Amino acid sequence: MTPTLQALATANPPFYTTQQEAYEFYASNFKLDPETDQLYQRLLLEGPIRGRFIGIDKQSDACETDPDRLNARFLKYARTTATAAARQAMDAAKLAARDMGGLVVNTCTGYLCPGLTSYLAEDLELCPDVRTLDITGMGCGGALPNLQAAAGLLALDAERPILSVAVEICSATLFMGRDPALIVSNSIFGDGASAAVLQSRPAADRKSLLRIVDFASGIYPQYRNQLHYRQEGGRLRNFLSVKVPITGAKTSREVLHRLLARHQLKQKDIQWWAVHAGGTAVLDKVGHDLGLNEKDLSYSLEVFRTYGNMSSPSVMFALRRILDQGQPRAGDKGILLSFGAGFSAFAALVEFL
């Protein structure tokens, strides 16, 4: 059984801020020392990101520090944004709620029990017998193990499609401070969700987008401290080492080469690349180490410029751009590549249909 991607949709919260507006907000609402202010100016006013979508009702909500209110905001916007993406994907696949056999949701920017599957199942009006799985703690790489888990559920019941949803409300983890890692995080992260419908036997009148050939992953605990969230005062605080581009490129390369070797493929056999848009330094290092050119990374870079780093959904946003703008031909092969907390790295080999 080879799973196919029947539909892919993306969504963002409604509040949008330009980088200029973000800088003015930080400068007006927080006491920034000259060095911190200078770094914010460089990242926000001179960087490649044009703006970001943020899960807030009004701009002043970004000043919130109460952990309970932050988690409530995470729930509100993770729920609405993920539901919007899921509905678009189901509509594109011409599927009703009663058709769905499973729901897998990954996130790392908030903790809930029950998880988001409980809320999405309610909002989407899925049947009570739907198989559900919540995945947490995988950071920016989470969308690809989500897809793999969804493919596993599909293997248990090939008759009903599975919904794979990646959603992050990174803005609910905004943490002010002088640490350059915090300043970078506050300047590049945005919010969004992706939703993919996987099927094994799509109807004859519904053309699939691609088939998922195989997955590969790697876990590297020796680099764990380079990229992680930690609890501080009841709030999530991001830690982002300057070594992340180097480690991300190294671990991604190892996972990618293992995946290609398993299928007796060379890198030249891959026509399309959807790489996690973690930042320009990340994309530059991954591109350099893998020998990818500007065109290979153009879809990922445009996602970063348009939305910032949305964590786990970013790689699926890049895939959506490839489908919309790249116009891959039937038989073309593609690679989805991401990495995240752990330190972990993930790759998926796909074939366009």
Protein backbone atom coordinates (compact mmCIF):
# COMPACT_ATOMS: atom_id res chain seq x y z
CA MET A 1 0.00 0.00 0.00
CA THR A 2 1.48 3.34 -1.11
CA PRO A 3 -0.20 6.39 0.43
CA THR A 4 -1.06 9.27 -1.85
CA LEU A 5 -1.51 12.91 -1.00
CA GLN A 6 -4.98 13.78 -2.18
CA ALA A 7 -5.05 17.40 -0.99
CA LEU A 8 -2.88 19.93 0.82
CA ALA A 9 -4.04 23.23 2.34
CA THR A 10 -2.53 25.94 4.50
CA ALA A 11 -3.95 28.61 6.80
CA ASN A 12 -2.82 31.46 9.06
CA PRO A 13 -4.39 33.51 11.85
CA PRO A 14 -6.01 36.75 10.62
CA PHE A 15 -3.71 39.25 12.39
CA TYR A 16 -0.81 40.33 10.17
CA THR A 17 2.15 42.50 11.12
CA THR A 18 4.91 43.86 8.96
CA GLN A 19 8.43 43.76 10.34
CA GLN A 20 8.39 47.57 10.58
CA GLU A 21 5.25 47.39 12.73
CA ALA A 22 6.83 44.68 14.87
CA TYR A 23 9.89 46.82 15.53
CA GLU A 24 7.79 49.85 16.44
CA PHE A 25 5.78 47.69 18.84
CA TYR A 26 8.85 46.32 20.61
CA ALA A 27 10.46 49.76 20.81
CA SER A 28 7.28 51.32 22.24
CA ASN A 29 6.29 48.62 24.72
CA PHE A 30 9.57 47.29 26.06
CA LYS A 31 12.66 49.00 27.42
CA LEU A 32 15.35 47.99 24.94
CA ASP A 33 18.99 48.71 25.71
CA PRO A 34 20.99 50.12 22.74
CA GLU A 35 22.54 46.76 21.80
CA THR A 36 19.19 44.96 21.89
CA ASP A 37 17.51 47.75 19.94
CA GLN A 38 20.23 47.61 17.30
CA LEU A 39 19.83 43.85 16.85
CA TYR A 40 16.05 44.19 16.53
CA GLN A 41 16.54 46.88 13.91
CA ARG A 42 18.94 44.72 11.93
CA LEU A 43 16.71 41.63 12.03
CA LEU A 44 13.34 43.32 11.57
CA LEU A 45 14.14 46.25 9.31
CA GLU A 46 17.00 44.85 7.25
CA GLY A 47 16.10 41.16 7.16
CA PRO A 48 14.35 39.27 4.34
CA ILE A 49 10.99 38.71 6.08
CA ARG A 50 8.24 41.05 4.89
CA GLY A 51 5.73 40.24 7.62
CA ARG A 52 4.17 37.51 9.76
CA PHE A 53 0.74 36.22 10.72
CA ILE A 54 0.23 36.21 14.49
CA GLY A 55 -2.42 34.52 16.66
CA ILE A 56 -3.62 37.52 18.66
CA ASP A 57 -6.81 39.58 18.85
CA LYS A 58 -5.00 42.90 19.13
CA GLN A 59 -1.37 44.00 19.11
CA SER A 60 -1.21 44.63 22.87
CA ASP A 61 -1.90 40.92 23.47
CA ALA A 62 1.74 40.31 22.54
CA CYS A 63 2.69 41.81 25.93
CA GLU A 64 0.90 38.98 27.77
CA THR A 65 3.09 37.00 30.18
CA ASP A 66 0.52 35.07 32.22
CA PRO A 67 1.05 31.35 31.40
CA ASP A 68 -2.65 30.50 31.67
CA ARG A 69 -3.70 33.24 29.27
CA LEU A 70 -0.92 32.32 26.87
CA ASN A 71 -2.05 28.71 26.80
CA ALA A 72 -5.65 29.82 26.28
CA ARG A 73 -4.49 31.94 23.33
CA PHE A 74 -2.57 28.98 21.96
CA LEU A 75 -5.70 26.82 22.14
CA LYS A 76 -7.90 29.46 20.50
CA TYR A 77 -5.68 30.12 17.52
CA ALA A 78 -4.26 26.62 17.08
CA ARG A 79 -7.83 25.36 16.98
CA THR A 80 -9.21 27.93 14.53
CA THR A 81 -6.17 27.96 12.24
CA ALA A 82 -5.85 24.17 12.09
CA THR A 83 -9.58 23.76 11.51
CA ALA A 84 -9.47 26.26 8.64
CA ALA A 85 -6.63 24.36 6.95
CA ALA A 86 -8.33 21.00 7.53
CA ARG A 87 -11.64 22.15 6.05
CA GLN A 88 -9.89 23.49 2.96
CA ALA A 89 -8.05 20.19 2.50
CA MET A 90 -11.21 18.12 2.92
CA ASP A 91 -13.09 20.35 0.48
CA ALA A 92 -10.27 20.07 -2.06
CA ALA A 93 -10.38 16.27 -1.74
CA LYS A 94 -14.21 16.34 -2.01
CA LEU A 95 -14.52 14.54 1.31
CA ALA A 96 -17.08 14.90 4.09
CA ALA A 97 -16.45 14.52 7.81
CA ARG A 98 -18.05 11.06 7.77
CA ASP A 99 -15.43 9.93 5.23
CA MET A 100 -12.42 10.54 7.46
CA GLY A 101 -10.81 7.56 9.15
CA GLY A 102 -8.08 9.26 11.15
CA LEU A 103 -6.67 12.53 12.42
CA VAL A 104 -3.03 13.18 13.37
CA VAL A 105 -2.04 16.57 14.82
CA ASN A 106 1.43 17.77 15.75
CA THR A 107 2.43 20.92 17.62
CA CYS A 108 5.19 22.08 19.95
CA THR A 109 4.08 25.58 20.94
CA GLY A 110 1.51 24.71 23.60
CA TYR A 111 0.44 21.85 25.84
CA LEU A 112 -3.13 20.53 26.09
CA CYS A 113 -4.73 17.45 27.60
CA PRO A 114 -6.77 16.32 25.77
CA GLY A 115 -4.76 17.32 22.75
CA LEU A 116 -5.85 19.28 19.72
CA THR A 117 -7.35 16.18 18.07
CA SER A 118 -10.23 16.38 20.56
CA TYR A 119 -11.02 19.96 19.56
CA LEU A 120 -10.53 19.48 15.81
CA ALA A 121 -12.66 16.33 15.82
CA GLU A 122 -15.43 18.41 17.39
CA ASP A 123 -15.01 21.42 15.09
CA LEU A 124 -14.83 19.27 11.96
CA GLU A 125 -17.67 17.04 13.18
CA LEU A 126 -15.67 13.86 12.62
CA CYS A 127 -17.22 10.50 13.49
CA PRO A 128 -16.62 9.11 17.01
CA ASP A 129 -14.75 6.09 15.61
CA VAL A 130 -12.06 8.24 13.94
CA ARG A 131 -8.53 7.19 14.91
CA THR A 132 -6.67 10.06 16.56
CA LEU A 133 -3.07 10.74 17.46
CA ASP A 134 -1.49 13.82 19.06
CA ILE A 135 2.23 14.37 18.53
CA THR A 136 4.14 16.91 20.63
CA GLY A 137 7.71 17.91 21.39
CA MET A 138 9.22 17.42 17.92
CA GLY A 139 9.76 21.08 17.14
CA CYS A 140 10.14 22.37 13.61
CA GLY A 141 10.53 18.89 12.14
CA GLY A 142 7.14 17.59 13.34
CA ALA A 143 5.15 17.65 10.09
CA LEU A 144 7.11 14.79 8.50
CA PRO A 145 6.81 12.25 11.35
CA ASN A 146 3.16 13.33 11.39
CA LEU A 147 2.86 12.28 7.74
CA GLN A 148 4.58 8.99 8.54
CA ALA A 149 2.20 8.32 11.43
CA ALA A 150 -0.76 9.17 9.19
CA ALA A 151 0.54 6.69 6.60
CA GLY A 152 0.72 4.09 9.38
CA LEU A 153 -2.90 4.69 10.33
CA LEU A 154 -3.83 4.40 6.68
CA ALA A 155 -2.20 0.98 6.60
CA LEU A 156 -4.57 -0.15 9.37
CA ASP A 157 -7.67 0.93 7.46
CA ALA A 158 -7.02 1.56 3.77
CA GLU A 159 -10.67 2.31 3.07
CA ARG A 160 -10.84 5.67 4.83
CA PRO A 161 -8.54 8.69 4.36
CA ILE A 162 -6.39 10.21 7.09
CA LEU A 163 -6.03 13.90 7.92
CA SER A 164 -2.51 15.08 8.82
CA VAL A 165 -2.40 18.51 10.50
CA ALA A 166 0.65 20.51 11.61
CA VAL A 167 -0.08 23.69 13.56
CA GLU A 168 2.06 26.13 15.54
CA ILE A 169 1.23 29.34 17.40
CA CYS A 170 4.80 30.43 17.98
CA SER A 171 3.61 33.86 19.13
CA ALA A 172 2.25 32.26 22.31
CA THR A 173 5.88 31.62 23.29
CA LEU A 174 7.10 35.21 22.87
CA PHE A 175 9.71 35.76 25.58
CA MET A 176 11.45 39.10 25.94
CA GLY A 177 15.07 39.34 27.07
CA ARG A 178 18.57 40.42 26.06
CA ASP A 179 19.67 36.96 24.95
CA PRO A 180 20.35 37.20 21.17
CA ALA A 181 18.59 33.85 20.70
CA LEU A 182 15.40 35.36 22.12
CA ILE A 183 15.73 38.43 19.92
CA VAL A 184 16.14 36.23 16.84
CA SER A 185 13.14 34.12 17.85
CA ASN A 186 10.98 37.19 18.43
CA SER A 187 11.98 38.54 15.01
CA ILE A 188 11.46 35.54 12.74
CA PHE A 189 8.75 33.22 14.09
CA GLY A 190 5.16 33.36 12.85
CA ASP A 191 2.01 31.25 13.14
CA GLY A 192 0.34 28.87 10.71
CA ALA A 193 -1.11 25.44 9.97
CA SER A 194 -1.05 22.89 7.19
CA ALA A 195 -3.45 20.03 6.52
CA ALA A 196 -2.92 17.08 4.19
CA VAL A 197 -5.34 14.34 3.20
CA LEU A 198 -3.75 10.91 2.70
CA GLN A 199 -5.52 8.10 0.88
CA SER A 200 -4.64 4.67 -0.44
CA ARG A 201 -7.50 4.25 -2.89
CA PRO A 202 -8.67 7.65 -4.15
CA ALA A 203 -11.78 7.73 -6.32
CA ALA A 204 -11.19 7.50 -10.05
CA ASP A 205 -12.45 11.06 -10.60
CA ARG A 206 -10.06 12.57 -8.05
CA LYS A 207 -6.48 13.07 -9.16
CA SER A 208 -3.91 12.72 -6.40
CA LEU A 209 -1.10 15.26 -6.02
CA LEU A 210 1.71 12.82 -5.29
CA ARG A 211 2.53 9.48 -3.76
CA ILE A 212 4.63 9.15 -0.65
CA VAL A 213 7.37 6.65 -1.39
CA ASP A 214 9.33 6.46 1.87
CA PHE A 215 10.53 8.23 5.01
CA ALA A 216 13.81 8.47 6.89
CA SER A 217 14.63 10.03 10.23
CA GLY A 218 17.51 10.53 12.64
CA ILE A 219 17.81 11.39 16.31
CA TYR A 220 20.97 13.07 17.63
CA PRO A 221 20.73 13.67 21.41
CA GLN A 222 24.33 14.93 21.52
CA TYR A 223 23.04 18.15 19.90
CA ARG A 224 19.85 18.39 21.99
CA ASN A 225 20.85 21.58 23.79
CA GLN A 226 21.26 23.49 20.53
CA LEU A 227 17.52 23.68 19.82
CA HIS A 228 14.81 23.27 22.42
CA TYR A 229 12.09 24.84 24.50
CA ARG A 230 12.46 25.01 28.25
CA GLN A 231 10.01 26.03 30.96
CA GLU A 232 10.86 29.29 32.69
CA GLY A 233 8.38 30.83 35.11
CA GLY A 234 5.66 28.57 33.74
CA ARG A 235 6.23 29.80 30.18
CA LEU A 236 7.90 28.25 27.16
CA ARG A 237 11.22 29.86 26.31
CA ASN A 238 12.92 29.04 23.05
CA PHE A 239 16.64 28.28 22.96
CA LEU A 240 18.29 28.65 19.58
CA SER A 241 22.05 28.07 19.24
CA VAL A 242 24.13 29.76 16.57
CA LYS A 243 25.21 26.22 15.65
CA VAL A 244 21.72 25.25 14.44
CA PRO A 245 22.43 25.90 10.72
CA ILE A 246 25.54 23.70 10.88
CA THR A 247 23.88 20.91 12.84
CA GLY A 248 20.67 21.09 10.83
CA ALA A 249 22.59 20.75 7.58
CA LYS A 250 24.74 17.92 8.91
CA THR A 251 21.88 15.83 10.30
CA SER A 252 19.64 16.50 7.31
CA ARG A 253 22.40 15.39 4.95
CA GLU A 254 22.87 12.11 6.83
CA VAL A 255 19.15 11.34 6.80
CA LEU A 256 18.76 12.34 3.15
CA HIS A 257 21.65 10.21 1.93
CA ARG A 258 20.31 7.19 3.81
CA LEU A 259 16.90 7.65 2.19
CA LEU A 260 18.28 8.06 -1.32
CA ALA A 261 20.63 5.09 -0.96
CA ARG A 262 17.75 2.86 0.10
CA HIS A 263 16.07 3.58 -3.24
CA GLN A 264 19.28 3.59 -5.30
CA LEU A 265 18.83 7.23 -6.15
CA LYS A 266 21.31 10.05 -6.58
CA GLN A 267 20.68 13.64 -5.63
CA LYS A 268 20.52 14.55 -9.32
CA ASP A 269 17.44 12.33 -9.59
CA ILE A 270 15.46 14.75 -7.40
CA GLN A 271 13.71 17.58 -9.25
CA TRP A 272 11.94 19.34 -6.36
CA TRP A 273 12.98 20.34 -2.85
CA ALA A 274 10.78 21.47 0.05
CA VAL A 275 13.16 22.37 2.88
CA HIS A 276 12.15 23.68 6.29
CA ALA A 277 12.38 27.47 6.09
CA GLY A 278 14.13 27.99 9.40
CA GLY A 279 15.95 31.11 8.22
CA THR A 280 18.28 32.33 5.52
CA ALA A 281 21.37 31.07 7.39
CA VAL A 282 19.77 27.63 7.70
CA LEU A 283 18.78 27.49 4.04
CA ASP A 284 22.20 28.76 2.94
CA LYS A 285 24.01 26.10 4.97
CA VAL A 286 21.68 23.28 3.91
CA GLY A 287 21.99 24.40 0.31
CA HIS A 288 25.78 24.60 0.49
CA ASP A 289 26.21 21.20 2.15
CA LEU A 290 23.74 19.43 -0.14
CA GLY A 291 24.81 21.20 -3.30
CA LEU A 292 21.37 22.73 -3.90
CA ASN A 293 21.07 25.78 -6.13
CA GLU A 294 19.01 28.94 -5.76
CA LYS A 295 16.10 27.50 -7.73
CA ASP A 296 16.02 24.37 -5.54
CA LEU A 297 15.56 26.49 -2.43
CA SER A 298 13.45 29.26 -3.95
CA TYR A 299 10.11 27.92 -2.73
CA SER A 300 11.35 27.50 0.82
CA LEU A 301 12.98 30.93 0.83
CA GLU A 302 9.79 32.58 -0.40
CA VAL A 303 7.85 30.93 2.44
CA PHE A 304 10.32 32.42 4.91
CA ARG A 305 10.06 35.87 3.32
CA THR A 306 6.26 35.79 3.31
CA TYR A 307 5.47 34.14 6.65
CA GLY A 308 8.68 33.92 8.68
CA ASN A 309 9.54 30.63 10.36
CA MET A 310 6.25 28.93 11.28
CA SER A 311 8.04 25.92 12.76
CA SER A 312 6.58 22.56 11.70
CA PRO A 313 4.07 23.64 8.98
CA SER A 314 6.78 25.54 7.07
CA VAL A 315 7.92 22.54 5.02
CA MET A 316 4.32 21.86 3.95
CA PHE A 317 3.90 25.52 2.94
CA ALA A 318 6.96 25.05 0.72
CA LEU A 319 5.43 21.92 -0.82
CA ARG A 320 2.21 23.84 -1.47
CA ARG A 321 4.22 26.50 -3.35
CA ILE A 322 5.91 23.83 -5.44
CA LEU A 323 2.51 22.45 -6.40
CA ASP A 324 1.09 25.89 -7.19
CA GLN A 325 4.04 27.57 -8.86
CA GLY A 326 6.52 24.87 -9.82
CA GLN A 327 4.07 22.73 -11.77
CA PRO A 328 5.90 19.41 -11.31
CA ARG A 329 5.35 16.81 -14.01
CA ALA A 330 4.07 13.29 -13.46
CA GLY A 331 7.00 11.09 -12.45
CA ASP A 332 9.09 13.91 -11.02
CA LYS A 333 10.63 13.09 -7.65
CA GLY A 334 10.74 15.39 -4.67
CA ILE A 335 12.27 15.55 -1.21
CA LEU A 336 10.70 17.06 1.89
CA LEU A 337 13.39 17.91 4.44
CA SER A 338 13.06 19.23 7.99
CA PHE A 339 14.76 19.15 11.36
CA GLY A 340 13.86 20.10 14.90
CA ALA A 341 14.22 19.61 18.62
CA GLY A 342 15.87 16.49 19.80
CA PHE A 343 18.11 17.13 17.79
CA SER A 344 16.15 15.39 15.04
CA ALA A 345 16.05 15.35 11.26
CA PHE A 346 13.46 14.00 8.81
CA ALA A 347 13.12 13.37 5.10
CA ALA A 348 10.35 12.12 2.85
CA LEU A 349 10.69 10.91 -0.74
CA VAL A 350 7.68 11.66 -2.93
CA GLU A 351 6.73 11.16 -6.57
CA PHE A 352 4.41 13.65 -8.25
CA LEU A 353 1.41 12.34 -10.14
